[in-house]
N, C-alpha and C. Protein backbone atom coordinates (compact mmCIF):
# COMPACT_ATOMS: atom_id res chain seq x y z
N UNK A 1 91.62 129.12 24.38
CA UNK A 1 92.43 127.94 24.59
C UNK A 1 93.83 128.14 24.02
N UNK A 2 93.92 128.85 22.92
CA UNK A 2 95.23 129.11 22.31
C UNK A 2 96.08 129.98 23.22
N UNK A 3 95.44 130.88 23.96
CA UNK A 3 96.19 131.72 24.89
C UNK A 3 96.84 130.89 25.98
N UNK A 4 96.13 129.88 26.44
CA UNK A 4 96.67 129.02 27.50
C UNK A 4 97.88 128.25 26.99
N UNK A 5 97.77 127.68 25.80
CA UNK A 5 98.90 126.95 25.22
C UNK A 5 100.08 127.88 24.96
N UNK A 6 99.81 129.07 24.50
CA UNK A 6 100.88 130.03 24.27
C UNK A 6 101.56 130.41 25.59
N UNK A 7 100.75 130.56 26.63
CA UNK A 7 101.28 130.88 27.96
C UNK A 7 102.17 129.74 28.47
N UNK A 8 101.69 128.50 28.31
CA UNK A 8 102.46 127.34 28.77
C UNK A 8 103.75 127.18 27.98
N UNK A 9 103.70 127.46 26.68
CA UNK A 9 104.92 127.37 25.88
C UNK A 9 105.90 128.47 26.24
N UNK A 10 105.39 129.65 26.56
CA UNK A 10 106.26 130.75 26.95
C UNK A 10 106.99 130.43 28.25
N UNK A 11 106.27 129.84 29.19
CA UNK A 11 106.84 129.54 30.50
C UNK A 11 107.04 128.03 30.68
N UNK A 12 107.45 127.35 29.65
CA UNK A 12 107.56 125.89 29.73
C UNK A 12 108.62 125.45 30.72
N UNK A 13 109.67 126.25 30.92
CA UNK A 13 110.69 125.90 31.92
C UNK A 13 110.06 125.85 33.31
N UNK A 14 109.20 126.81 33.62
CA UNK A 14 108.52 126.80 34.91
C UNK A 14 107.55 125.63 35.04
N UNK A 15 106.94 125.25 33.93
CA UNK A 15 106.05 124.07 33.94
C UNK A 15 106.86 122.82 34.22
N UNK A 16 108.05 122.70 33.63
CA UNK A 16 108.92 121.56 33.90
C UNK A 16 109.31 121.52 35.37
N UNK A 17 109.66 122.67 35.91
CA UNK A 17 110.03 122.74 37.33
C UNK A 17 108.85 122.31 38.21
N UNK A 18 107.66 122.73 37.87
CA UNK A 18 106.47 122.35 38.62
C UNK A 18 106.25 120.84 38.60
N UNK A 19 106.40 120.23 37.44
CA UNK A 19 106.21 118.79 37.31
C UNK A 19 107.27 118.03 38.11
N UNK A 20 108.52 118.45 37.99
CA UNK A 20 109.61 117.76 38.72
C UNK A 20 109.42 117.91 40.23
N UNK A 21 109.07 119.10 40.70
CA UNK A 21 108.88 119.29 42.14
C UNK A 21 107.69 118.50 42.65
N UNK A 22 106.67 118.33 41.83
CA UNK A 22 105.53 117.50 42.23
C UNK A 22 105.98 116.07 42.48
N UNK A 23 106.70 115.49 41.52
CA UNK A 23 107.14 114.10 41.68
C UNK A 23 108.17 113.96 42.81
N UNK A 24 109.05 114.93 42.98
CA UNK A 24 109.99 114.88 44.10
C UNK A 24 109.26 114.98 45.44
N UNK A 25 108.24 115.83 45.50
CA UNK A 25 107.46 115.96 46.72
C UNK A 25 106.74 114.68 47.08
N UNK A 26 106.17 114.02 46.09
CA UNK A 26 105.49 112.75 46.34
C UNK A 26 106.48 111.72 46.86
N UNK A 27 107.65 111.62 46.24
CA UNK A 27 108.66 110.67 46.69
C UNK A 27 109.14 111.00 48.10
N UNK A 28 109.31 112.28 48.38
CA UNK A 28 109.79 112.71 49.69
C UNK A 28 108.79 112.36 50.79
N UNK A 29 107.52 112.69 50.57
CA UNK A 29 106.53 112.46 51.62
C UNK A 29 106.16 110.99 51.78
N UNK A 30 106.41 110.17 50.79
CA UNK A 30 106.19 108.74 50.97
C UNK A 30 107.21 108.13 51.93
N UNK A 31 108.39 108.74 52.02
CA UNK A 31 109.46 108.18 52.84
C UNK A 31 109.54 108.83 54.22
N UNK A 32 108.73 109.84 54.50
CA UNK A 32 108.76 110.52 55.79
C UNK A 32 107.98 109.71 56.82
N UNK A 33 108.52 109.52 58.02
CA UNK A 33 107.76 108.83 59.07
C UNK A 33 106.50 109.62 59.44
N UNK A 34 105.48 108.89 59.86
CA UNK A 34 104.20 109.54 60.18
C UNK A 34 104.31 110.50 61.36
N UNK A 35 105.32 110.32 62.21
CA UNK A 35 105.49 111.21 63.36
C UNK A 35 105.81 112.63 62.90
N UNK A 36 106.53 112.77 61.81
CA UNK A 36 106.94 114.09 61.32
C UNK A 36 105.90 114.75 60.42
N UNK A 37 104.82 114.04 60.12
CA UNK A 37 103.84 114.55 59.17
C UNK A 37 103.24 115.87 59.63
N UNK A 38 102.86 115.97 60.90
CA UNK A 38 102.20 117.19 61.37
C UNK A 38 103.16 118.36 61.46
N UNK A 39 104.44 118.08 61.66
CA UNK A 39 105.42 119.17 61.62
C UNK A 39 105.51 119.75 60.21
N UNK A 40 105.54 118.87 59.22
CA UNK A 40 105.57 119.34 57.84
C UNK A 40 104.28 120.06 57.48
N UNK A 41 103.18 119.61 58.02
CA UNK A 41 101.89 120.25 57.73
C UNK A 41 101.89 121.69 58.24
N UNK A 42 102.41 121.92 59.44
CA UNK A 42 102.42 123.28 59.96
C UNK A 42 103.38 124.17 59.16
N UNK A 43 104.49 123.61 58.70
CA UNK A 43 105.41 124.39 57.87
C UNK A 43 104.76 124.74 56.54
N UNK A 44 104.02 123.80 55.97
CA UNK A 44 103.35 124.07 54.69
C UNK A 44 102.22 125.08 54.86
N UNK A 45 101.59 125.13 56.04
CA UNK A 45 100.59 126.16 56.28
C UNK A 45 101.23 127.55 56.24
N UNK A 46 102.40 127.67 56.82
CA UNK A 46 103.12 128.95 56.79
C UNK A 46 103.46 129.31 55.34
N UNK A 47 103.97 128.34 54.60
CA UNK A 47 104.33 128.60 53.19
C UNK A 47 103.09 128.96 52.38
N UNK A 48 101.97 128.29 52.63
CA UNK A 48 100.74 128.60 51.90
C UNK A 48 100.28 130.02 52.18
N UNK A 49 100.41 130.46 53.42
CA UNK A 49 100.05 131.83 53.76
C UNK A 49 100.90 132.84 53.03
N UNK A 50 102.20 132.58 52.95
CA UNK A 50 103.11 133.49 52.23
C UNK A 50 102.78 133.49 50.74
N UNK A 51 102.59 132.31 50.17
CA UNK A 51 102.27 132.22 48.74
C UNK A 51 100.93 132.88 48.42
N UNK A 52 99.97 132.76 49.34
CA UNK A 52 98.67 133.39 49.12
C UNK A 52 98.82 134.91 49.08
N UNK A 53 99.59 135.45 50.00
CA UNK A 53 99.84 136.90 50.01
C UNK A 53 100.53 137.33 48.72
N UNK A 54 101.54 136.58 48.29
CA UNK A 54 102.26 136.94 47.06
C UNK A 54 101.37 136.82 45.82
N UNK A 55 100.52 135.82 45.80
CA UNK A 55 99.62 135.64 44.65
C UNK A 55 98.61 136.78 44.57
N UNK A 56 98.08 137.20 45.70
CA UNK A 56 97.14 138.33 45.69
C UNK A 56 97.85 139.59 45.20
N UNK A 57 99.10 139.79 45.66
CA UNK A 57 99.86 140.95 45.22
C UNK A 57 100.16 140.86 43.71
N UNK A 58 100.47 139.65 43.23
CA UNK A 58 100.73 139.43 41.81
C UNK A 58 99.49 139.71 40.97
N UNK A 59 98.32 139.27 41.44
CA UNK A 59 97.09 139.49 40.68
C UNK A 59 96.74 140.97 40.58
N UNK A 60 97.17 141.75 41.55
CA UNK A 60 96.91 143.18 41.48
C UNK A 60 97.66 143.87 40.36
N UNK A 61 98.73 143.25 39.89
CA UNK A 61 99.55 143.86 38.83
C UNK A 61 99.23 143.35 37.44
N UNK A 62 98.30 142.41 37.32
CA UNK A 62 97.96 141.84 36.02
C UNK A 62 96.95 142.73 35.30
N UNK A 63 97.13 142.87 34.00
CA UNK A 63 96.16 143.63 33.22
C UNK A 63 94.89 142.81 33.04
N UNK A 64 93.77 143.50 32.95
CA UNK A 64 92.49 142.80 32.82
C UNK A 64 92.36 142.04 31.51
N UNK A 65 93.11 142.40 30.50
CA UNK A 65 93.01 141.72 29.21
C UNK A 65 93.75 140.38 29.20
N UNK A 66 94.58 140.11 30.19
CA UNK A 66 95.34 138.86 30.25
C UNK A 66 94.52 137.80 30.99
N UNK A 67 93.62 137.17 30.26
CA UNK A 67 92.65 136.24 30.84
C UNK A 67 93.33 135.00 31.41
N UNK A 68 94.31 134.45 30.70
CA UNK A 68 94.94 133.20 31.16
C UNK A 68 95.66 133.41 32.50
N UNK A 69 96.35 134.53 32.66
CA UNK A 69 97.01 134.81 33.94
C UNK A 69 96.00 135.01 35.06
N UNK A 70 94.89 135.66 34.74
CA UNK A 70 93.85 135.85 35.75
C UNK A 70 93.24 134.51 36.18
N UNK A 71 93.01 133.61 35.22
CA UNK A 71 92.45 132.29 35.55
C UNK A 71 93.43 131.47 36.39
N UNK A 72 94.70 131.43 35.99
CA UNK A 72 95.69 130.70 36.77
C UNK A 72 95.83 131.30 38.17
N UNK A 73 95.80 132.61 38.25
CA UNK A 73 95.88 133.27 39.55
C UNK A 73 94.68 132.96 40.43
N UNK A 74 93.49 132.95 39.82
CA UNK A 74 92.29 132.62 40.58
C UNK A 74 92.36 131.20 41.14
N UNK A 75 92.76 130.25 40.30
CA UNK A 75 92.87 128.86 40.77
C UNK A 75 93.97 128.70 41.81
N UNK A 76 95.05 129.47 41.67
CA UNK A 76 96.11 129.41 42.68
C UNK A 76 95.60 129.92 44.02
N UNK A 77 94.86 131.01 44.01
CA UNK A 77 94.31 131.54 45.25
C UNK A 77 93.29 130.57 45.85
N UNK A 78 92.48 129.97 45.00
CA UNK A 78 91.50 128.99 45.48
C UNK A 78 92.19 127.80 46.14
N UNK A 79 93.20 127.24 45.49
CA UNK A 79 93.89 126.08 46.05
C UNK A 79 94.68 126.43 47.31
N UNK A 80 95.31 127.60 47.33
CA UNK A 80 96.05 128.01 48.52
C UNK A 80 95.10 128.25 49.70
N UNK A 81 93.94 128.82 49.43
CA UNK A 81 92.96 129.04 50.49
C UNK A 81 92.46 127.71 51.05
N UNK A 82 92.21 126.76 50.16
CA UNK A 82 91.77 125.44 50.62
C UNK A 82 92.86 124.77 51.45
N UNK A 83 94.10 124.93 51.05
CA UNK A 83 95.21 124.35 51.80
C UNK A 83 95.33 124.98 53.18
N UNK A 84 95.17 126.29 53.25
CA UNK A 84 95.26 126.97 54.55
C UNK A 84 94.14 126.54 55.49
N UNK A 85 92.92 126.50 54.99
CA UNK A 85 91.78 126.12 55.84
C UNK A 85 91.89 124.66 56.27
N UNK A 86 92.23 123.78 55.34
CA UNK A 86 92.38 122.37 55.68
C UNK A 86 93.50 122.13 56.67
N UNK A 87 94.61 122.80 56.48
CA UNK A 87 95.73 122.68 57.42
C UNK A 87 95.39 123.21 58.80
N UNK A 88 94.67 124.33 58.82
CA UNK A 88 94.26 124.89 60.12
C UNK A 88 93.32 123.93 60.85
N UNK A 89 92.35 123.39 60.15
CA UNK A 89 91.39 122.48 60.79
C UNK A 89 92.08 121.19 61.26
N UNK A 90 93.01 120.68 60.47
CA UNK A 90 93.73 119.48 60.86
C UNK A 90 94.62 119.74 62.08
N UNK A 91 95.30 120.87 62.09
CA UNK A 91 96.15 121.22 63.22
C UNK A 91 95.32 121.43 64.48
N UNK A 92 94.17 122.07 64.33
CA UNK A 92 93.29 122.29 65.48
C UNK A 92 92.80 120.96 66.05
N UNK A 93 92.43 120.03 65.17
CA UNK A 93 91.98 118.71 65.62
C UNK A 93 93.11 117.96 66.31
N UNK A 94 94.31 118.06 65.77
CA UNK A 94 95.46 117.38 66.35
C UNK A 94 95.79 117.94 67.73
N UNK A 95 95.70 119.25 67.89
CA UNK A 95 95.96 119.85 69.20
C UNK A 95 94.92 119.43 70.23
N UNK A 96 93.68 119.26 69.81
CA UNK A 96 92.64 118.76 70.72
C UNK A 96 92.97 117.36 71.21
N UNK A 97 93.52 116.53 70.34
CA UNK A 97 93.90 115.18 70.75
C UNK A 97 95.01 115.20 71.79
N UNK A 98 95.97 116.10 71.64
CA UNK A 98 97.05 116.20 72.62
C UNK A 98 96.54 116.75 73.94
N UNK A 99 95.57 117.65 73.92
CA UNK A 99 95.02 118.21 75.16
C UNK A 99 94.29 117.13 75.96
N UNK A 100 93.61 116.21 75.28
CA UNK A 100 92.91 115.13 75.98
C UNK A 100 93.88 114.16 76.63
N UNK A 101 95.04 113.97 76.01
CA UNK A 101 96.03 113.05 76.58
C UNK A 101 96.63 113.64 77.85
N UNK A 102 96.86 114.95 77.87
CA UNK A 102 97.50 115.59 79.01
C UNK A 102 96.57 115.73 80.21
N UNK A 103 95.25 115.64 80.04
CA UNK A 103 94.32 115.83 81.17
C UNK A 103 94.25 114.63 82.05
């Protein structure tokens, strides 16, 4: 547990950036019209794919003794994978709805 706190204190500037971007993202998406939601979803799927690739590459360079970085990396890969699968399934469902309208 002390390793995690030491890690967070070492990178506290990045933690602040993460917190601020979270709140800015929530404010931004509350004000976006629902028509644009699926466009943003597809863009975020692309970003999640890029971040997933970078995270896997980053985990390859971590030493096995750095447990906190490995845990954060594992959870990042888990969340990015869930985001990709959920976004893909939502986009697929949305495209099916548009195909039924055009028939």
